[in-house]
Amino acid sequence: MKIYSFPPISDKHTKILILGTMPGKKSLKLNQYYGHGGNSFWKLMFAIFEESFSIDYNKRKNILLKNNIALWDVLKACEREGSSDNAILKEESNDFKTFFENHPEIKKIAFNGQNAEEYFNVYSNHKPDVEFISLPSTSPANTWKTFDEKLNEWKTIIKI
């Protein structure tokens, strides 16, 4: 079944771009980035910026924008059964050339997991001269690191 990603959460002040691979089933159903309750992405963002955690999606998006962070996925569309990146077939990349033209202040790109970085390296013909950082996946399937270990690594996104 063909599935499609979401538009980016971004504005003209974006300095950091966080890239995932493709929304999972639960996220697609809710029409929200990282909508699965077991995904630690939003908990990490609220912890990093020392804000009270909220399930309100508008507050979640605002915490990113307030801190000059954009959120997007590397893939625009693909075929996939389930939510695993390993099941992705017939993938199509998002248009990074236009995105970077519209967001010239980006200084850092952070990948939410190695798969996002690998797809970006394969499909993006336009790589700006910025810092790249690969971070541990926030997926509930990533049980190799504790929340605190992930938090320590993810804190590096705010250092430009």
N, C-alpha and C. Protein backbone atom coordinates (compact mmCIF):
# COMPACT_ATOMS: atom_id res chain seq x y z
N MET A 1 0.84 -1.17 0.00
CA MET A 1 0.00 0.00 0.00
C MET A 1 0.89 1.25 0.00
N LYS A 2 0.59 2.19 -0.86
CA LYS A 2 1.37 3.44 -0.94
C LYS A 2 0.94 4.38 0.18
N ILE A 3 1.95 4.93 0.86
CA ILE A 3 1.70 5.88 1.94
C ILE A 3 2.50 7.15 1.68
N TYR A 4 2.03 8.24 2.26
CA TYR A 4 2.66 9.54 2.05
C TYR A 4 3.03 10.18 3.38
N SER A 5 4.13 10.89 3.37
CA SER A 5 4.60 11.60 4.55
C SER A 5 3.82 12.90 4.72
N PHE A 6 4.18 13.65 5.75
CA PHE A 6 3.54 14.92 6.07
C PHE A 6 4.38 16.07 5.53
N PRO A 7 3.77 17.25 5.40
CA PRO A 7 4.59 18.43 5.09
C PRO A 7 5.50 18.75 6.28
N PRO A 8 6.56 19.49 6.05
CA PRO A 8 7.46 19.81 7.16
C PRO A 8 6.80 20.74 8.17
N ILE A 9 7.25 20.64 9.40
CA ILE A 9 6.96 21.64 10.42
C ILE A 9 8.17 22.56 10.36
N SER A 10 8.00 23.77 9.89
CA SER A 10 9.14 24.68 9.75
C SER A 10 8.64 26.11 9.60
N ASP A 11 9.56 27.03 9.76
CA ASP A 11 9.30 28.43 9.44
C ASP A 11 10.59 29.07 8.96
N LYS A 12 10.54 30.36 8.68
CA LYS A 12 11.71 31.03 8.09
C LYS A 12 12.88 31.16 9.05
N HIS A 13 12.66 30.88 10.35
CA HIS A 13 13.73 31.00 11.35
C HIS A 13 14.46 29.68 11.60
N THR A 14 14.09 28.65 10.87
CA THR A 14 14.66 27.32 11.07
C THR A 14 16.18 27.33 10.97
N LYS A 15 16.82 26.77 12.00
CA LYS A 15 18.28 26.63 12.00
C LYS A 15 18.71 25.17 12.08
N ILE A 16 17.80 24.32 12.58
CA ILE A 16 18.09 22.90 12.75
C ILE A 16 16.96 22.11 12.07
N LEU A 17 17.34 21.12 11.30
CA LEU A 17 16.36 20.24 10.65
C LEU A 17 16.53 18.84 11.22
N ILE A 18 15.45 18.31 11.78
CA ILE A 18 15.43 16.92 12.24
C ILE A 18 14.71 16.10 11.18
N LEU A 19 15.37 15.05 10.71
CA LEU A 19 14.80 14.20 9.68
C LEU A 19 14.57 12.78 10.19
N GLY A 20 13.34 12.32 10.04
CA GLY A 20 13.01 10.93 10.24
C GLY A 20 12.97 10.24 8.88
N THR A 21 12.54 9.00 8.86
CA THR A 21 12.46 8.26 7.60
C THR A 21 11.09 8.41 6.96
N MET A 22 10.06 7.91 7.67
CA MET A 22 8.69 7.89 7.16
C MET A 22 7.78 7.65 8.35
N PRO A 23 6.62 8.32 8.43
CA PRO A 23 5.73 8.10 9.57
C PRO A 23 5.25 6.64 9.65
N GLY A 24 5.11 6.18 10.88
CA GLY A 24 4.56 4.85 11.12
C GLY A 24 3.05 4.84 11.01
N LYS A 25 2.47 3.66 11.13
CA LYS A 25 1.03 3.48 10.99
C LYS A 25 0.22 4.37 11.93
N LYS A 26 0.60 4.39 13.20
CA LYS A 26 -0.13 5.17 14.20
C LYS A 26 -0.02 6.67 13.89
N SER A 27 1.15 7.13 13.51
CA SER A 27 1.35 8.54 13.16
C SER A 27 0.49 8.92 11.96
N LEU A 28 0.45 8.04 10.95
CA LEU A 28 -0.37 8.31 9.77
C LEU A 28 -1.85 8.38 10.14
N LYS A 29 -2.27 7.48 11.00
CA LYS A 29 -3.68 7.47 11.43
C LYS A 29 -4.04 8.76 12.17
N LEU A 30 -3.13 9.24 13.02
CA LEU A 30 -3.37 10.46 13.79
C LEU A 30 -3.03 11.73 13.02
N ASN A 31 -2.34 11.57 11.87
CA ASN A 31 -1.86 12.70 11.09
C ASN A 31 -0.93 13.59 11.92
N GLN A 32 -0.01 12.96 12.65
CA GLN A 32 0.93 13.65 13.53
C GLN A 32 2.29 12.97 13.45
N TYR A 33 3.32 13.80 13.40
CA TYR A 33 4.66 13.24 13.53
C TYR A 33 4.79 12.56 14.89
N TYR A 34 5.39 11.39 14.89
CA TYR A 34 5.69 10.63 16.11
C TYR A 34 4.46 10.48 17.00
N GLY A 35 3.37 10.03 16.40
CA GLY A 35 2.11 9.88 17.10
C GLY A 35 2.00 8.65 17.98
N HIS A 36 2.87 7.67 17.77
CA HIS A 36 2.84 6.46 18.59
C HIS A 36 3.26 6.81 20.01
N GLY A 37 2.44 6.46 20.98
CA GLY A 37 2.71 6.78 22.38
C GLY A 37 4.02 6.22 22.91
N GLY A 38 4.52 5.16 22.30
CA GLY A 38 5.77 4.56 22.73
C GLY A 38 7.00 5.23 22.15
N ASN A 39 6.81 6.10 21.17
CA ASN A 39 7.94 6.80 20.57
C ASN A 39 8.37 7.91 21.53
N SER A 40 9.65 8.02 21.77
CA SER A 40 10.15 8.97 22.78
C SER A 40 10.48 10.35 22.21
N PHE A 41 10.21 10.60 20.93
CA PHE A 41 10.61 11.87 20.32
C PHE A 41 10.09 13.08 21.09
N TRP A 42 8.79 13.15 21.33
CA TRP A 42 8.23 14.34 21.98
C TRP A 42 8.68 14.44 23.43
N LYS A 43 8.80 13.32 24.10
CA LYS A 43 9.29 13.35 25.49
C LYS A 43 10.71 13.92 25.53
N LEU A 44 11.53 13.54 24.55
CA LEU A 44 12.89 14.06 24.47
C LEU A 44 12.89 15.56 24.21
N MET A 45 12.04 16.02 23.29
CA MET A 45 12.01 17.45 22.97
C MET A 45 11.62 18.28 24.20
N PHE A 46 10.59 17.84 24.91
CA PHE A 46 10.16 18.58 26.09
C PHE A 46 11.23 18.55 27.18
N ALA A 47 11.92 17.43 27.32
CA ALA A 47 12.99 17.33 28.32
C ALA A 47 14.18 18.23 27.94
N ILE A 48 14.57 18.22 26.68
CA ILE A 48 15.69 19.02 26.22
C ILE A 48 15.45 20.51 26.48
N PHE A 49 14.23 20.95 26.21
CA PHE A 49 13.91 22.37 26.36
C PHE A 49 13.27 22.71 27.70
N GLU A 50 13.32 21.74 28.62
CA GLU A 50 12.86 21.92 30.00
C GLU A 50 11.46 22.52 30.06
N GLU A 51 10.57 21.89 29.30
CA GLU A 51 9.16 22.28 29.26
C GLU A 51 8.32 21.15 29.82
N SER A 52 7.16 21.49 30.35
CA SER A 52 6.24 20.46 30.84
C SER A 52 5.68 19.70 29.65
N PHE A 53 5.73 18.38 29.75
CA PHE A 53 5.28 17.52 28.66
C PHE A 53 3.80 17.75 28.37
N SER A 54 3.45 17.69 27.09
CA SER A 54 2.07 17.85 26.66
C SER A 54 1.77 16.89 25.52
N ILE A 55 0.54 16.41 25.48
CA ILE A 55 0.10 15.59 24.35
C ILE A 55 -0.59 16.44 23.28
N ASP A 56 -0.76 17.74 23.56
CA ASP A 56 -1.37 18.66 22.60
C ASP A 56 -0.43 18.85 21.41
N TYR A 57 -0.89 18.45 20.23
CA TYR A 57 -0.01 18.47 19.06
C TYR A 57 0.44 19.88 18.69
N ASN A 58 -0.42 20.87 18.87
CA ASN A 58 -0.02 22.25 18.59
C ASN A 58 1.10 22.70 19.51
N LYS A 59 1.04 22.31 20.78
CA LYS A 59 2.12 22.64 21.72
C LYS A 59 3.40 21.92 21.32
N ARG A 60 3.25 20.71 20.85
CA ARG A 60 4.41 19.95 20.41
C ARG A 60 5.09 20.63 19.24
N LYS A 61 4.30 21.03 18.25
CA LYS A 61 4.87 21.72 17.08
C LYS A 61 5.50 23.05 17.50
N ASN A 62 4.83 23.76 18.40
CA ASN A 62 5.34 25.07 18.83
C ASN A 62 6.66 24.99 19.57
N ILE A 63 6.88 23.91 20.33
CA ILE A 63 8.16 23.78 21.03
C ILE A 63 9.31 23.70 20.03
N LEU A 64 9.05 23.08 18.90
CA LEU A 64 10.08 23.00 17.86
C LEU A 64 10.31 24.37 17.23
N LEU A 65 9.23 24.99 16.79
CA LEU A 65 9.36 26.28 16.10
C LEU A 65 9.96 27.35 17.01
N LYS A 66 9.56 27.34 18.28
CA LYS A 66 10.09 28.30 19.24
C LYS A 66 11.61 28.17 19.38
N ASN A 67 12.11 26.98 19.12
CA ASN A 67 13.54 26.71 19.24
C ASN A 67 14.24 26.58 17.88
N ASN A 68 13.59 27.13 16.85
CA ASN A 68 14.15 27.18 15.49
C ASN A 68 14.47 25.82 14.90
N ILE A 69 13.61 24.86 15.21
CA ILE A 69 13.79 23.49 14.72
C ILE A 69 12.68 23.15 13.73
N ALA A 70 13.08 22.55 12.62
CA ALA A 70 12.13 22.01 11.65
C ALA A 70 12.11 20.49 11.78
N LEU A 71 10.99 19.91 11.43
CA LEU A 71 10.82 18.46 11.48
C LEU A 71 10.23 18.00 10.15
N TRP A 72 10.87 16.98 9.58
CA TRP A 72 10.41 16.45 8.30
C TRP A 72 10.88 15.01 8.18
N ASP A 73 10.48 14.36 7.11
CA ASP A 73 10.95 13.01 6.81
C ASP A 73 11.71 13.02 5.50
N VAL A 74 12.65 12.12 5.38
CA VAL A 74 13.45 12.01 4.17
C VAL A 74 12.56 11.57 3.00
N LEU A 75 11.67 10.64 3.28
CA LEU A 75 10.85 10.09 2.21
C LEU A 75 9.51 10.81 2.10
N LYS A 76 9.11 11.05 0.86
CA LYS A 76 7.82 11.67 0.57
C LYS A 76 6.73 10.60 0.48
N ALA A 77 7.10 9.44 -0.06
CA ALA A 77 6.14 8.36 -0.27
C ALA A 77 6.88 7.04 -0.37
N CYS A 78 6.15 5.98 -0.10
CA CYS A 78 6.71 4.64 -0.26
C CYS A 78 5.58 3.63 -0.17
N GLU A 79 5.92 2.38 -0.41
CA GLU A 79 5.02 1.28 -0.14
C GLU A 79 5.55 0.58 1.09
N ARG A 80 4.65 0.25 2.01
CA ARG A 80 5.10 -0.42 3.23
C ARG A 80 3.91 -1.05 3.93
N GLU A 81 4.11 -2.27 4.39
CA GLU A 81 3.15 -2.93 5.27
C GLU A 81 3.68 -2.74 6.69
N GLY A 82 2.85 -2.28 7.60
CA GLY A 82 3.30 -2.05 8.97
C GLY A 82 4.04 -0.74 9.11
N SER A 83 4.92 -0.67 10.11
CA SER A 83 5.62 0.58 10.42
C SER A 83 7.13 0.50 10.32
N SER A 84 7.66 -0.67 10.09
CA SER A 84 9.12 -0.86 10.09
C SER A 84 9.78 -0.24 8.86
N ASP A 85 10.87 0.48 9.10
CA ASP A 85 11.66 1.02 7.99
C ASP A 85 12.20 -0.11 7.11
N ASN A 86 12.39 -1.27 7.68
CA ASN A 86 12.92 -2.41 6.92
C ASN A 86 11.93 -2.91 5.88
N ALA A 87 10.65 -2.52 5.99
CA ALA A 87 9.62 -2.97 5.06
C ALA A 87 9.37 -1.96 3.93
N ILE A 88 10.13 -0.87 3.89
CA ILE A 88 9.93 0.18 2.89
C ILE A 88 10.33 -0.32 1.50
N LEU A 89 9.43 -0.06 0.54
CA LEU A 89 9.67 -0.40 -0.86
C LEU A 89 9.26 0.78 -1.73
N LYS A 90 9.84 0.87 -2.91
CA LYS A 90 9.47 1.88 -3.91
C LYS A 90 9.41 3.28 -3.31
N GLU A 91 10.46 3.64 -2.61
CA GLU A 91 10.50 4.93 -1.93
C GLU A 91 10.75 6.09 -2.87
N GLU A 92 10.21 7.26 -2.49
CA GLU A 92 10.42 8.51 -3.21
C GLU A 92 10.88 9.54 -2.19
N SER A 93 11.90 10.30 -2.54
CA SER A 93 12.48 11.30 -1.65
C SER A 93 11.69 12.61 -1.67
N ASN A 94 11.73 13.32 -0.56
CA ASN A 94 11.22 14.68 -0.53
C ASN A 94 12.15 15.60 -1.32
N ASP A 95 11.68 16.80 -1.62
CA ASP A 95 12.43 17.78 -2.42
C ASP A 95 13.30 18.64 -1.51
N PHE A 96 14.51 18.19 -1.27
CA PHE A 96 15.41 18.91 -0.36
C PHE A 96 15.99 20.16 -0.99
N LYS A 97 16.19 20.15 -2.29
CA LYS A 97 16.75 21.33 -2.95
C LYS A 97 15.87 22.55 -2.66
N THR A 98 14.58 22.42 -2.89
CA THR A 98 13.65 23.53 -2.64
C THR A 98 13.58 23.85 -1.16
N PHE A 99 13.55 22.82 -0.33
CA PHE A 99 13.48 23.06 1.12
C PHE A 99 14.66 23.90 1.60
N PHE A 100 15.86 23.53 1.19
CA PHE A 100 17.04 24.26 1.64
C PHE A 100 17.10 25.66 1.03
N GLU A 101 16.61 25.82 -0.17
CA GLU A 101 16.52 27.17 -0.76
C GLU A 101 15.60 28.06 0.07
N ASN A 102 14.52 27.47 0.58
CA ASN A 102 13.54 28.23 1.37
C ASN A 102 13.93 28.37 2.84
N HIS A 103 14.96 27.67 3.27
CA HIS A 103 15.42 27.69 4.67
C HIS A 103 16.94 27.87 4.70
N PRO A 104 17.42 29.02 4.26
CA PRO A 104 18.88 29.21 4.11
C PRO A 104 19.64 29.31 5.43
N GLU A 105 18.94 29.43 6.56
CA GLU A 105 19.64 29.59 7.84
C GLU A 105 19.93 28.26 8.53
N ILE A 106 19.60 27.14 7.89
CA ILE A 106 19.85 25.84 8.51
C ILE A 106 21.35 25.65 8.71
N LYS A 107 21.71 25.29 9.94
CA LYS A 107 23.12 25.09 10.32
C LYS A 107 23.42 23.63 10.66
N LYS A 108 22.35 22.87 10.93
CA LYS A 108 22.55 21.49 11.37
C LYS A 108 21.39 20.62 10.89
N ILE A 109 21.73 19.40 10.48
CA ILE A 109 20.72 18.39 10.16
C ILE A 109 20.96 17.22 11.09
N ALA A 110 19.92 16.86 11.83
CA ALA A 110 19.99 15.74 12.76
C ALA A 110 19.08 14.62 12.25
N PHE A 111 19.62 13.42 12.20
CA PHE A 111 18.86 12.28 11.72
C PHE A 111 18.33 11.48 12.89
N ASN A 112 17.03 11.20 12.87
CA ASN A 112 16.40 10.37 13.88
C ASN A 112 16.59 8.91 13.46
N GLY A 113 17.76 8.40 13.77
CA GLY A 113 18.08 7.01 13.42
C GLY A 113 18.92 6.90 12.17
N GLN A 114 19.59 5.78 12.04
CA GLN A 114 20.51 5.55 10.91
C GLN A 114 19.78 5.40 9.58
N ASN A 115 18.56 4.87 9.60
CA ASN A 115 17.85 4.70 8.33
C ASN A 115 17.57 6.03 7.66
N ALA A 116 17.20 7.03 8.45
CA ALA A 116 16.95 8.36 7.89
C ALA A 116 18.21 8.90 7.22
N GLU A 117 19.34 8.74 7.88
CA GLU A 117 20.60 9.21 7.33
C GLU A 117 20.95 8.46 6.04
N GLU A 118 20.76 7.17 6.04
CA GLU A 118 21.08 6.37 4.85
C GLU A 118 20.22 6.76 3.66
N TYR A 119 18.91 6.93 3.88
CA TYR A 119 18.03 7.34 2.78
C TYR A 119 18.39 8.74 2.28
N PHE A 120 18.71 9.64 3.21
CA PHE A 120 19.10 11.00 2.81
C PHE A 120 20.35 10.95 1.94
N ASN A 121 21.33 10.17 2.33
CA ASN A 121 22.57 10.07 1.56
C ASN A 121 22.35 9.46 0.18
N VAL A 122 21.40 8.57 0.07
CA VAL A 122 21.10 7.95 -1.22
C VAL A 122 20.31 8.90 -2.13
N TYR A 123 19.32 9.59 -1.57
CA TYR A 123 18.37 10.31 -2.41
C TYR A 123 18.56 11.82 -2.48
N SER A 124 19.29 12.41 -1.59
CA SER A 124 19.43 13.86 -1.65
C SER A 124 20.63 14.26 -2.49
N ASN A 125 20.36 14.90 -3.61
CA ASN A 125 21.43 15.41 -4.45
C ASN A 125 21.89 16.78 -3.99
N HIS A 126 21.16 17.35 -3.04
CA HIS A 126 21.48 18.69 -2.55
C HIS A 126 21.76 18.63 -1.06
N LYS A 127 23.04 18.66 -0.74
CA LYS A 127 23.44 18.60 0.66
C LYS A 127 24.14 19.91 1.01
N PRO A 128 23.51 20.72 1.84
CA PRO A 128 24.14 22.00 2.19
C PRO A 128 25.39 21.78 3.04
N ASP A 129 26.19 22.81 3.12
CA ASP A 129 27.43 22.77 3.91
C ASP A 129 27.07 23.08 5.36
N VAL A 130 26.57 22.06 6.05
CA VAL A 130 26.13 22.20 7.44
C VAL A 130 26.66 21.01 8.25
N GLU A 131 26.45 21.08 9.54
CA GLU A 131 26.81 19.96 10.41
C GLU A 131 25.74 18.88 10.30
N PHE A 132 26.16 17.64 10.20
CA PHE A 132 25.25 16.49 10.18
C PHE A 132 25.50 15.68 11.44
N ILE A 133 24.40 15.20 12.04
CA ILE A 133 24.54 14.38 13.23
C ILE A 133 23.51 13.25 13.18
N SER A 134 23.97 12.04 13.43
CA SER A 134 23.09 10.89 13.49
C SER A 134 22.80 10.57 14.95
N LEU A 135 21.53 10.53 15.28
CA LEU A 135 21.10 10.31 16.66
C LEU A 135 20.36 8.98 16.78
N PRO A 136 20.30 8.43 18.01
CA PRO A 136 19.59 7.16 18.16
C PRO A 136 18.10 7.33 17.85
N SER A 137 17.57 6.35 17.18
CA SER A 137 16.15 6.37 16.83
C SER A 137 15.29 6.49 18.09
N THR A 138 14.23 7.29 17.97
CA THR A 138 13.29 7.44 19.09
C THR A 138 12.17 6.41 19.03
N SER A 139 12.23 5.54 18.05
CA SER A 139 11.22 4.49 17.87
C SER A 139 11.14 3.57 19.08
N PRO A 140 9.92 3.10 19.40
CA PRO A 140 9.81 2.14 20.50
C PRO A 140 10.54 0.83 20.20
N ALA A 141 10.85 0.58 18.93
CA ALA A 141 11.60 -0.63 18.57
C ALA A 141 13.08 -0.51 18.95
N ASN A 142 13.55 0.71 19.19
CA ASN A 142 14.95 0.91 19.58
C ASN A 142 15.07 0.75 21.08
N THR A 143 15.42 -0.44 21.49
CA THR A 143 15.54 -0.75 22.92
C THR A 143 17.01 -0.86 23.35
N TRP A 144 17.92 -0.49 22.44
CA TRP A 144 19.34 -0.64 22.73
C TRP A 144 19.84 0.42 23.70
N LYS A 145 19.12 1.53 23.80
CA LYS A 145 19.53 2.61 24.70
C LYS A 145 18.37 3.00 25.60
N THR A 146 18.73 3.42 26.81
CA THR A 146 17.70 3.90 27.73
C THR A 146 17.26 5.30 27.32
N PHE A 147 16.16 5.77 27.91
CA PHE A 147 15.70 7.12 27.64
C PHE A 147 16.79 8.13 27.99
N ASP A 148 17.43 7.97 29.14
CA ASP A 148 18.47 8.91 29.56
C ASP A 148 19.67 8.91 28.61
N GLU A 149 20.04 7.75 28.10
CA GLU A 149 21.13 7.69 27.13
C GLU A 149 20.75 8.42 25.84
N LYS A 150 19.51 8.20 25.39
CA LYS A 150 19.02 8.91 24.20
C LYS A 150 18.99 10.42 24.46
N LEU A 151 18.51 10.80 25.63
CA LEU A 151 18.41 12.22 25.98
C LEU A 151 19.79 12.89 25.92
N ASN A 152 20.80 12.26 26.47
CA ASN A 152 22.15 12.83 26.44
C ASN A 152 22.64 13.05 25.01
N GLU A 153 22.34 12.12 24.13
CA GLU A 153 22.77 12.29 22.73
C GLU A 153 21.92 13.32 22.01
N TRP A 154 20.62 13.30 22.25
CA TRP A 154 19.73 14.22 21.57
C TRP A 154 19.95 15.67 22.01
N LYS A 155 20.49 15.88 23.20
CA LYS A 155 20.77 17.25 23.66
C LYS A 155 21.75 17.96 22.72
N THR A 156 22.52 17.20 21.96
CA THR A 156 23.49 17.82 21.06
C THR A 156 22.81 18.60 19.93
N ILE A 157 21.53 18.39 19.69
CA ILE A 157 20.87 19.15 18.61
C ILE A 157 20.84 20.63 18.91
N ILE A 158 20.84 21.01 20.18
CA ILE A 158 20.71 22.42 20.50
C ILE A 158 22.04 23.16 20.48
N LYS A 159 23.12 22.44 20.29
CA LYS A 159 24.44 23.06 20.22
C LYS A 159 24.80 23.32 18.77
N ILE A 160 24.77 24.58 18.39
CA ILE A 160 25.10 24.94 17.00
C ILE A 160 26.48 25.58 17.01
